[in-house]
Full PDB file with SEQRES, HELIX, SHEET, SSBOND, CRYST1, ORIGX, SCALE, CONECT and MASTER records, all heavy atoms in Angstrom:
SEQRES   1 A   31  HIS PHE ASP LYS PHE GLU PRO ARG PHE THR PHE SER GLY          
SEQRES   2 A   31  PRO VAL VAL ARG ASN HIS VAL TRP PHE PHE ASP GLY VAL          
SEQRES   3 A   31  ASP LEU GLU TYR ALA                                          
SHEET    1 AA1 2 ARG A   8  VAL A  16  0                                        
SHEET    2 AA1 2 VAL A  20  ASP A  27 -1                                        
CRYST1    1.000    1.000    1.000  90.00  90.00  90.00 P 1           1          
ORIGX1      1.000000  0.000000  0.000000        0.00000                         
ORIGX2      0.000000  1.000000  0.000000        0.00000                         
ORIGX3      0.000000  0.000000  1.000000        0.00000                         
SCALE1      1.000000  0.000000  0.000000        0.00000                         
SCALE2      0.000000  1.000000  0.000000        0.00000                         
SCALE3      0.000000  0.000000  1.000000        0.00000                         
ATOM      1  N   HIS A   1       0.895  -1.161  -0.009  1.00  0.00           N  
ATOM      2  CA  HIS A   1      -0.067  -0.011   0.010  1.00  0.00           C  
ATOM      3  C   HIS A   1       0.856   1.279   0.031  1.00  0.00           C  
ATOM      4  O   HIS A   1       2.017   1.225   0.331  1.00  0.00           O  
ATOM      5  CB  HIS A   1      -0.932   0.076   1.166  1.00  0.00           C  
ATOM      6  CG  HIS A   1      -1.783  -1.229   1.368  1.00  0.00           C  
ATOM      7  ND1 HIS A   1      -2.998  -1.310   0.670  1.00  0.00           N  
ATOM      8  CD2 HIS A   1      -1.670  -2.283   2.147  1.00  0.00           C  
ATOM      9  CE1 HIS A   1      -3.458  -2.377   0.985  1.00  0.00           C  
ATOM     10  NE2 HIS A   1      -2.824  -3.116   1.918  1.00  0.00           N  
ATOM     11  N   PHE A   2       0.275   2.283  -0.372  1.00  0.00           N  
ATOM     12  CA  PHE A   2       1.010   3.642  -0.226  1.00  0.00           C  
ATOM     13  C   PHE A   2       1.313   3.962   1.250  1.00  0.00           C  
ATOM     14  O   PHE A   2       0.436   3.676   2.201  1.00  0.00           O  
ATOM     15  CB  PHE A   2       0.110   4.810  -0.835  1.00  0.00           C  
ATOM     16  CG  PHE A   2       0.180   4.908  -2.299  1.00  0.00           C  
ATOM     17  CD1 PHE A   2      -0.970   4.823  -3.006  1.00  0.00           C  
ATOM     18  CD2 PHE A   2       1.424   5.284  -2.860  1.00  0.00           C  
ATOM     19  CE1 PHE A   2      -0.838   4.896  -4.410  1.00  0.00           C  
ATOM     20  CE2 PHE A   2       1.461   5.555  -4.288  1.00  0.00           C  
ATOM     21  CZ  PHE A   2       0.341   5.189  -4.990  1.00  0.00           C  
ATOM     22  N   ASP A   3       2.379   4.363   1.614  1.00  0.00           N  
ATOM     23  CA  ASP A   3       2.689   4.785   2.896  1.00  0.00           C  
ATOM     24  C   ASP A   3       2.666   6.341   3.064  1.00  0.00           C  
ATOM     25  O   ASP A   3       1.904   6.891   3.809  1.00  0.00           O  
ATOM     26  CB  ASP A   3       4.199   4.335   3.258  1.00  0.00           C  
ATOM     27  CG  ASP A   3       4.513   4.643   4.777  1.00  0.00           C  
ATOM     28  OD1 ASP A   3       3.559   4.755   5.566  1.00  0.00           O  
ATOM     29  OD2 ASP A   3       5.668   4.699   5.002  1.00  0.00           O  
ATOM     30  N   LYS A   4       3.522   7.032   2.227  1.00  0.00           N  
ATOM     31  CA  LYS A   4       3.493   8.482   2.301  1.00  0.00           C  
ATOM     32  C   LYS A   4       3.649   8.981   0.956  1.00  0.00           C  
ATOM     33  O   LYS A   4       4.443   8.510   0.048  1.00  0.00           O  
ATOM     34  CB  LYS A   4       4.552   9.060   3.185  1.00  0.00           C  
ATOM     35  CG  LYS A   4       4.202   8.877   4.736  1.00  0.00           C  
ATOM     36  CD  LYS A   4       5.259   9.566   5.661  1.00  0.00           C  
ATOM     37  CE  LYS A   4       4.891   9.469   7.037  1.00  0.00           C  
ATOM     38  NZ  LYS A   4       5.939  10.199   7.959  1.00  0.00           N  
ATOM     39  N   PHE A   5       3.049  10.207   0.599  1.00  0.00           N  
ATOM     40  CA  PHE A   5       3.177  10.736  -0.571  1.00  0.00           C  
ATOM     41  C   PHE A   5       3.189  12.327  -0.326  1.00  0.00           C  
ATOM     42  O   PHE A   5       2.122  12.803  -0.002  1.00  0.00           O  
ATOM     43  CB  PHE A   5       2.090  10.383  -1.672  1.00  0.00           C  
ATOM     44  CG  PHE A   5       2.224  10.901  -3.041  1.00  0.00           C  
ATOM     45  CD1 PHE A   5       3.503  10.905  -3.685  1.00  0.00           C  
ATOM     46  CD2 PHE A   5       1.137  11.414  -3.772  1.00  0.00           C  
ATOM     47  CE1 PHE A   5       3.528  11.533  -4.947  1.00  0.00           C  
ATOM     48  CE2 PHE A   5       1.191  11.933  -5.064  1.00  0.00           C  
ATOM     49  CZ  PHE A   5       2.403  12.011  -5.582  1.00  0.00           C  
ATOM     50  N   GLU A   6       4.369  13.081  -0.560  1.00  0.00           N  
ATOM     51  CA  GLU A   6       4.382  14.417  -0.164  1.00  0.00           C  
ATOM     52  C   GLU A   6       4.960  15.240  -1.233  1.00  0.00           C  
ATOM     53  O   GLU A   6       6.019  15.799  -1.169  1.00  0.00           O  
ATOM     54  CB  GLU A   6       5.300  14.572   1.138  1.00  0.00           C  
ATOM     55  CG  GLU A   6       4.742  13.754   2.373  1.00  0.00           C  
ATOM     56  CD  GLU A   6       5.768  13.739   3.502  1.00  0.00           C  
ATOM     57  OE1 GLU A   6       6.950  14.099   3.247  1.00  0.00           O  
ATOM     58  OE2 GLU A   6       5.355  13.337   4.623  1.00  0.00           O  
ATOM     59  N   PRO A   7       4.115  15.427  -2.213  1.00  0.00           N  
ATOM     60  CA  PRO A   7       4.758  16.153  -3.450  1.00  0.00           C  
ATOM     61  C   PRO A   7       4.583  17.661  -3.185  1.00  0.00           C  
ATOM     62  O   PRO A   7       3.563  18.173  -2.528  1.00  0.00           O  
ATOM     63  CB  PRO A   7       3.924  15.806  -4.593  1.00  0.00           C  
ATOM     64  CG  PRO A   7       2.613  15.474  -3.997  1.00  0.00           C  
ATOM     65  CD  PRO A   7       2.850  14.852  -2.612  1.00  0.00           C  
ATOM     66  N   ARG A   8       5.486  18.510  -3.670  1.00  0.00           N  
ATOM     67  CA  ARG A   8       5.424  20.053  -3.751  1.00  0.00           C  
ATOM     68  C   ARG A   8       5.893  20.484  -5.035  1.00  0.00           C  
ATOM     69  O   ARG A   8       6.748  19.869  -5.631  1.00  0.00           O  
ATOM     70  CB  ARG A   8       6.366  20.633  -2.657  1.00  0.00           C  
ATOM     71  CG  ARG A   8       6.237  19.992  -1.284  1.00  0.00           C  
ATOM     72  CD  ARG A   8       6.934  20.939  -0.210  1.00  0.00           C  
ATOM     73  NE  ARG A   8       8.196  21.141  -0.534  1.00  0.00           N  
ATOM     74  CZ  ARG A   8       9.256  20.403   0.034  1.00  0.00           C  
ATOM     75  NH1 ARG A   8       8.794  19.330   0.685  1.00  0.00           N  
ATOM     76  NH2 ARG A   8      10.466  20.663  -0.308  1.00  0.00           N  
ATOM     77  N   PHE A   9       5.335  21.485  -5.549  1.00  0.00           N  
ATOM     78  CA  PHE A   9       5.684  22.127  -6.790  1.00  0.00           C  
ATOM     79  C   PHE A   9       5.431  23.597  -6.738  1.00  0.00           C  
ATOM     80  O   PHE A   9       4.399  24.039  -6.079  1.00  0.00           O  
ATOM     81  CB  PHE A   9       5.186  21.485  -8.005  1.00  0.00           C  
ATOM     82  CG  PHE A   9       3.755  21.712  -8.281  1.00  0.00           C  
ATOM     83  CD1 PHE A   9       3.302  22.855  -8.996  1.00  0.00           C  
ATOM     84  CD2 PHE A   9       2.775  20.933  -7.847  1.00  0.00           C  
ATOM     85  CE1 PHE A   9       1.991  23.032  -9.312  1.00  0.00           C  
ATOM     86  CE2 PHE A   9       1.421  21.092  -7.973  1.00  0.00           C  
ATOM     87  CZ  PHE A   9       1.000  22.204  -8.739  1.00  0.00           C  
ATOM     88  N   THR A  10       6.219  24.438  -7.471  1.00  0.00           N  
ATOM     89  CA  THR A  10       6.028  25.761  -7.621  1.00  0.00           C  
ATOM     90  C   THR A  10       6.175  26.133  -8.954  1.00  0.00           C  
ATOM     91  O   THR A  10       6.739  25.545  -9.760  1.00  0.00           O  
ATOM     92  CB  THR A  10       7.030  26.667  -6.829  1.00  0.00           C  
ATOM     93  OG1 THR A  10       8.390  26.362  -7.276  1.00  0.00           O  
ATOM     94  CG2 THR A  10       7.013  26.355  -5.350  1.00  0.00           C  
ATOM     95  N   PHE A  11       5.307  27.151  -9.366  1.00  0.00           N  
ATOM     96  CA  PHE A  11       5.215  27.553 -10.839  1.00  0.00           C  
ATOM     97  C   PHE A  11       5.107  28.981 -10.843  1.00  0.00           C  
ATOM     98  O   PHE A  11       4.178  29.640 -10.121  1.00  0.00           O  
ATOM     99  CB  PHE A  11       4.153  26.879 -11.641  1.00  0.00           C  
ATOM    100  CG  PHE A  11       3.999  27.249 -13.103  1.00  0.00           C  
ATOM    101  CD1 PHE A  11       5.226  27.182 -13.883  1.00  0.00           C  
ATOM    102  CD2 PHE A  11       2.846  27.647 -13.669  1.00  0.00           C  
ATOM    103  CE1 PHE A  11       5.211  27.480 -15.205  1.00  0.00           C  
ATOM    104  CE2 PHE A  11       2.758  27.984 -14.982  1.00  0.00           C  
ATOM    105  CZ  PHE A  11       3.937  27.873 -15.736  1.00  0.00           C  
ATOM    106  N   SER A  12       5.887  29.725 -11.594  1.00  0.00           N  
ATOM    107  CA  SER A  12       5.902  31.202 -11.517  1.00  0.00           C  
ATOM    108  C   SER A  12       6.318  31.731 -12.947  1.00  0.00           C  
ATOM    109  O   SER A  12       6.904  31.011 -13.843  1.00  0.00           O  
ATOM    110  CB  SER A  12       6.834  31.856 -10.542  1.00  0.00           C  
ATOM    111  OG  SER A  12       8.158  31.410 -10.813  1.00  0.00           O  
ATOM    112  N   GLY A  13       6.005  32.998 -13.214  1.00  0.00           N  
ATOM    113  CA  GLY A  13       6.313  33.572 -14.511  1.00  0.00           C  
ATOM    114  C   GLY A  13       5.534  34.834 -14.773  1.00  0.00           C  
ATOM    115  O   GLY A  13       4.845  35.384 -13.837  1.00  0.00           O  
ATOM    116  N   PRO A  14       5.672  35.296 -15.933  1.00  0.00           N  
ATOM    117  CA  PRO A  14       4.992  36.615 -16.260  1.00  0.00           C  
ATOM    118  C   PRO A  14       3.517  36.353 -16.798  1.00  0.00           C  
ATOM    119  O   PRO A  14       3.306  35.307 -17.464  1.00  0.00           O  
ATOM    120  CB  PRO A  14       5.767  37.221 -17.374  1.00  0.00           C  
ATOM    121  CG  PRO A  14       6.479  36.008 -18.019  1.00  0.00           C  
ATOM    122  CD  PRO A  14       6.667  34.856 -17.049  1.00  0.00           C  
ATOM    123  N   VAL A  15       2.690  37.215 -16.457  1.00  0.00           N  
ATOM    124  CA  VAL A  15       1.350  37.360 -17.133  1.00  0.00           C  
ATOM    125  C   VAL A  15       1.453  38.370 -18.322  1.00  0.00           C  
ATOM    126  O   VAL A  15       1.005  38.003 -19.335  1.00  0.00           O  
ATOM    127  CB  VAL A  15       0.271  37.703 -16.153  1.00  0.00           C  
ATOM    128  CG1 VAL A  15      -1.010  37.842 -16.813  1.00  0.00           C  
ATOM    129  CG2 VAL A  15       0.192  36.743 -14.994  1.00  0.00           C  
ATOM    130  N   VAL A  16       1.900  39.521 -17.964  1.00  0.00           N  
ATOM    131  CA  VAL A  16       2.345  40.491 -18.924  1.00  0.00           C  
ATOM    132  C   VAL A  16       3.750  40.912 -18.596  1.00  0.00           C  
ATOM    133  O   VAL A  16       4.076  41.406 -17.519  1.00  0.00           O  
ATOM    134  CB  VAL A  16       1.386  41.746 -18.913  1.00  0.00           C  
ATOM    135  CG1 VAL A  16       1.765  42.772 -19.980  1.00  0.00           C  
ATOM    136  CG2 VAL A  16      -0.074  41.245 -19.139  1.00  0.00           C  
ATOM    137  N   ARG A  17       4.682  40.673 -19.555  1.00  0.00           N  
ATOM    138  CA  ARG A  17       6.047  40.875 -19.290  1.00  0.00           C  
ATOM    139  C   ARG A  17       6.339  42.360 -18.837  1.00  0.00           C  
ATOM    140  O   ARG A  17       5.772  43.274 -19.476  1.00  0.00           O  
ATOM    141  CB  ARG A  17       6.959  40.564 -20.441  1.00  0.00           C  
ATOM    142  CG  ARG A  17       6.971  39.108 -20.717  1.00  0.00           C  
ATOM    143  CD  ARG A  17       8.053  38.741 -21.881  1.00  0.00           C  
ATOM    144  NE  ARG A  17       8.151  37.268 -22.128  1.00  0.00           N  
ATOM    145  CZ  ARG A  17       8.956  36.607 -21.419  1.00  0.00           C  
ATOM    146  NH1 ARG A  17       9.716  37.079 -20.498  1.00  0.00           N  
ATOM    147  NH2 ARG A  17       9.068  35.286 -21.670  1.00  0.00           N  
ATOM    148  N   ASN A  18       7.151  42.495 -17.771  1.00  0.00           N  
ATOM    149  CA  ASN A  18       7.510  43.822 -17.213  1.00  0.00           C  
ATOM    150  C   ASN A  18       6.378  44.490 -16.481  1.00  0.00           C  
ATOM    151  O   ASN A  18       6.644  45.643 -16.153  1.00  0.00           O  
ATOM    152  CB  ASN A  18       8.103  44.678 -18.295  1.00  0.00           C  
ATOM    153  CG  ASN A  18       9.454  44.064 -18.929  1.00  0.00           C  
ATOM    154  OD1 ASN A  18      10.266  43.485 -18.334  1.00  0.00           O  
ATOM    155  ND2 ASN A  18       9.563  44.254 -20.274  1.00  0.00           N  
ATOM    156  N   HIS A  19       5.190  43.775 -16.420  1.00  0.00           N  
ATOM    157  CA  HIS A  19       4.120  44.594 -15.843  1.00  0.00           C  
ATOM    158  C   HIS A  19       3.385  43.639 -14.761  1.00  0.00           C  
ATOM    159  O   HIS A  19       3.156  44.122 -13.739  1.00  0.00           O  
ATOM    160  CB  HIS A  19       3.099  44.993 -16.905  1.00  0.00           C  
ATOM    161  CG  HIS A  19       3.736  46.060 -17.760  1.00  0.00           C  
ATOM    162  ND1 HIS A  19       3.788  47.398 -17.411  1.00  0.00           N  
ATOM    163  CD2 HIS A  19       4.049  46.059 -19.063  1.00  0.00           C  
ATOM    164  CE1 HIS A  19       4.249  48.166 -18.316  1.00  0.00           C  
ATOM    165  NE2 HIS A  19       4.532  47.371 -19.439  1.00  0.00           N  
ATOM    166  N   VAL A  20       3.077  42.473 -15.102  1.00  0.00           N  
ATOM    167  CA  VAL A  20       2.209  41.583 -14.250  1.00  0.00           C  
ATOM    168  C   VAL A  20       2.907  40.296 -14.178  1.00  0.00           C  
ATOM    169  O   VAL A  20       3.261  39.643 -15.170  1.00  0.00           O  
ATOM    170  CB  VAL A  20       0.801  41.405 -14.703  1.00  0.00           C  
ATOM    171  CG1 VAL A  20       0.004  40.622 -13.728  1.00  0.00           C  
ATOM    172  CG2 VAL A  20       0.236  42.790 -14.884  1.00  0.00           C  
ATOM    173  N   TRP A  21       3.070  39.666 -12.891  1.00  0.00           N  
ATOM    174  CA  TRP A  21       3.680  38.398 -12.634  1.00  0.00           C  
ATOM    175  C   TRP A  21       2.803  37.610 -11.713  1.00  0.00           C  
ATOM    176  O   TRP A  21       1.969  38.067 -10.989  1.00  0.00           O  
ATOM    177  CB  TRP A  21       5.060  38.583 -12.027  1.00  0.00           C  
ATOM    178  CG  TRP A  21       5.927  39.399 -12.807  1.00  0.00           C  
ATOM    179  CD1 TRP A  21       6.904  39.111 -13.866  1.00  0.00           C  
ATOM    180  CD2 TRP A  21       6.133  40.808 -12.677  1.00  0.00           C  
ATOM    181  NE1 TRP A  21       7.509  40.093 -14.351  1.00  0.00           N  
ATOM    182  CE2 TRP A  21       7.115  41.197 -13.633  1.00  0.00           C  
ATOM    183  CE3 TRP A  21       5.534  41.765 -11.924  1.00  0.00           C  
ATOM    184  CZ2 TRP A  21       7.461  42.568 -13.820  1.00  0.00           C  
ATOM    185  CZ3 TRP A  21       5.938  43.153 -12.081  1.00  0.00           C  
ATOM    186  CH2 TRP A  21       6.919  43.494 -12.976  1.00  0.00           C  
ATOM    187  N   PHE A  22       3.027  36.303 -11.642  1.00  0.00           N  
ATOM    188  CA  PHE A  22       2.330  35.448 -10.864  1.00  0.00           C  
ATOM    189  C   PHE A  22       3.263  34.342 -10.120  1.00  0.00           C  
ATOM    190  O   PHE A  22       4.340  34.214 -10.689  1.00  0.00           O  
ATOM    191  CB  PHE A  22       1.182  34.587 -11.493  1.00  0.00           C  
ATOM    192  CG  PHE A  22       1.669  33.461 -12.432  1.00  0.00           C  
ATOM    193  CD1 PHE A  22       1.734  32.159 -11.965  1.00  0.00           C  
ATOM    194  CD2 PHE A  22       2.154  33.606 -13.751  1.00  0.00           C  
ATOM    195  CE1 PHE A  22       2.213  31.106 -12.670  1.00  0.00           C  
ATOM    196  CE2 PHE A  22       2.628  32.607 -14.479  1.00  0.00           C  
ATOM    197  CZ  PHE A  22       2.618  31.351 -13.909  1.00  0.00           C  
ATOM    198  N   PHE A  23       2.802  33.821  -9.060  1.00  0.00           N  
ATOM    199  CA  PHE A  23       3.481  32.701  -8.375  1.00  0.00           C  
ATOM    200  C   PHE A  23       2.492  31.852  -7.797  1.00  0.00           C  
ATOM    201  O   PHE A  23       1.488  32.223  -7.175  1.00  0.00           O  
ATOM    202  CB  PHE A  23       4.456  33.273  -7.325  1.00  0.00           C  
ATOM    203  CG  PHE A  23       5.168  32.261  -6.528  1.00  0.00           C  
ATOM    204  CD1 PHE A  23       6.439  31.887  -6.823  1.00  0.00           C  
ATOM    205  CD2 PHE A  23       4.593  31.718  -5.338  1.00  0.00           C  
ATOM    206  CE1 PHE A  23       7.159  30.927  -6.187  1.00  0.00           C  
ATOM    207  CE2 PHE A  23       5.326  30.815  -4.596  1.00  0.00           C  
ATOM    208  CZ  PHE A  23       6.557  30.416  -5.014  1.00  0.00           C  
ATOM    209  N   ASP A  24       2.743  30.493  -7.909  1.00  0.00           N  
ATOM    210  CA  ASP A  24       1.889  29.434  -7.332  1.00  0.00           C  
ATOM    211  C   ASP A  24       2.623  28.344  -6.671  1.00  0.00           C  
ATOM    212  O   ASP A  24       3.527  27.801  -7.284  1.00  0.00           O  
ATOM    213  CB  ASP A  24       1.003  28.832  -8.397  1.00  0.00           C  
ATOM    214  CG  ASP A  24      -0.303  28.055  -7.833  1.00  0.00           C  
ATOM    215  OD1 ASP A  24      -0.532  28.199  -6.654  1.00  0.00           O  
ATOM    216  OD2 ASP A  24      -0.723  27.192  -8.527  1.00  0.00           O  
ATOM    217  N   GLY A  25       2.423  28.085  -5.309  1.00  0.00           N  
ATOM    218  CA  GLY A  25       3.192  27.124  -4.625  1.00  0.00           C  
ATOM    219  C   GLY A  25       2.183  26.214  -3.904  1.00  0.00           C  
ATOM    220  O   GLY A  25       1.328  26.554  -3.117  1.00  0.00           O  
ATOM    221  N   VAL A  26       2.227  24.878  -4.353  1.00  0.00           N  
ATOM    222  CA  VAL A  26       1.319  23.904  -3.876  1.00  0.00           C  
ATOM    223  C   VAL A  26       2.083  22.879  -3.069  1.00  0.00           C  
ATOM    224  O   VAL A  26       3.215  22.510  -3.387  1.00  0.00           O  
ATOM    225  CB  VAL A  26       0.624  23.124  -5.092  1.00  0.00           C  
ATOM    226  CG1 VAL A  26      -0.295  22.011  -4.684  1.00  0.00           C  
ATOM    227  CG2 VAL A  26      -0.134  24.146  -6.005  1.00  0.00           C  
ATOM    228  N   ASP A  27       1.418  22.419  -1.973  1.00  0.00           N  
ATOM    229  CA  ASP A  27       2.055  21.542  -1.101  1.00  0.00           C  
ATOM    230  C   ASP A  27       0.895  20.481  -0.654  1.00  0.00           C  
ATOM    231  O   ASP A  27      -0.157  20.853  -0.155  1.00  0.00           O  
ATOM    232  CB  ASP A  27       2.565  22.208   0.180  1.00  0.00           C  
ATOM    233  CG  ASP A  27       3.136  21.327   1.118  1.00  0.00           C  
ATOM    234  OD1 ASP A  27       3.477  20.190   0.887  1.00  0.00           O  
ATOM    235  OD2 ASP A  27       3.223  21.696   2.426  1.00  0.00           O  
ATOM    236  N   LEU A  28       1.192  19.199  -0.910  1.00  0.00           N  
ATOM    237  CA  LEU A  28       0.267  18.120  -0.625  1.00  0.00           C  
ATOM    238  C   LEU A  28       0.910  17.022   0.254  1.00  0.00           C  
ATOM    239  O   LEU A  28       2.102  16.864   0.150  1.00  0.00           O  
ATOM    240  CB  LEU A  28      -0.202  17.438  -1.970  1.00  0.00           C  
ATOM    241  CG  LEU A  28      -1.007  18.432  -2.890  1.00  0.00           C  
ATOM    242  CD1 LEU A  28      -1.235  17.683  -4.156  1.00  0.00           C  
ATOM    243  CD2 LEU A  28      -2.250  19.020  -2.296  1.00  0.00           C  
ATOM    244  N   GLU A  29       0.072  16.317   0.941  1.00  0.00           N  
ATOM    245  CA  GLU A  29       0.593  15.194   1.764  1.00  0.00           C  
ATOM    246  C   GLU A  29      -0.508  14.160   2.009  1.00  0.00           C  
ATOM    247  O   GLU A  29      -1.688  14.587   2.242  1.00  0.00           O  
ATOM    248  CB  GLU A  29       0.924  15.759   3.258  1.00  0.00           C  
ATOM    249  CG  GLU A  29       1.364  14.624   4.171  1.00  0.00           C  
ATOM    250  CD  GLU A  29       1.537  14.995   5.670  1.00  0.00           C  
ATOM    251  OE1 GLU A  29       1.365  16.302   5.873  1.00  0.00           O  
ATOM    252  OE2 GLU A  29       1.902  14.202   6.481  1.00  0.00           O  
ATOM    253  N   TYR A  30      -0.083  12.951   1.705  1.00  0.00           N  
ATOM    254  CA  TYR A  30      -0.965  11.760   1.915  1.00  0.00           C  
ATOM    255  C   TYR A  30      -0.270  10.771   2.767  1.00  0.00           C  
ATOM    256  O   TYR A  30       0.819  10.430   2.290  1.00  0.00           O  
ATOM    257  CB  TYR A  30      -1.570  11.146   0.717  1.00  0.00           C  
ATOM    258  CG  TYR A  30      -2.374   9.913   0.761  1.00  0.00           C  
ATOM    259  CD1 TYR A  30      -3.637  10.072   1.156  1.00  0.00           C  
ATOM    260  CD2 TYR A  30      -1.690   8.760   0.658  1.00  0.00           C  
ATOM    261  CE1 TYR A  30      -4.367   8.840   1.250  1.00  0.00           C  
ATOM    262  CE2 TYR A  30      -2.388   7.541   0.810  1.00  0.00           C  
ATOM    263  CZ  TYR A  30      -3.799   7.591   1.058  1.00  0.00           C  
ATOM    264  OH  TYR A  30      -4.599   6.500   1.272  1.00  0.00           O  
ATOM    265  N   ALA A  31      -0.805  10.458   3.915  1.00  0.00           N  
ATOM    266  CA  ALA A  31      -0.132   9.436   4.861  1.00  0.00           C  
ATOM    267  C   ALA A  31      -1.213   8.464   5.249  1.00  0.00           C  
ATOM    268  O   ALA A  31      -2.167   8.847   5.743  1.00  0.00           O  
ATOM    269  CB  ALA A  31       0.424  10.223   6.034  1.00  0.00           C  
TER     270      ALA A  31                                                      
MASTER        0    0    0    0    2    0    0    6  269    1    0    3          
END                                                                             
């Protein structure tokens, strides 16, 4: 069976270059 699953990822970049940016950080855990 699954014991632990703890993925994390971040994704960032421009929405409109030199004007608007974004950042998204996701953290999950299954135990």
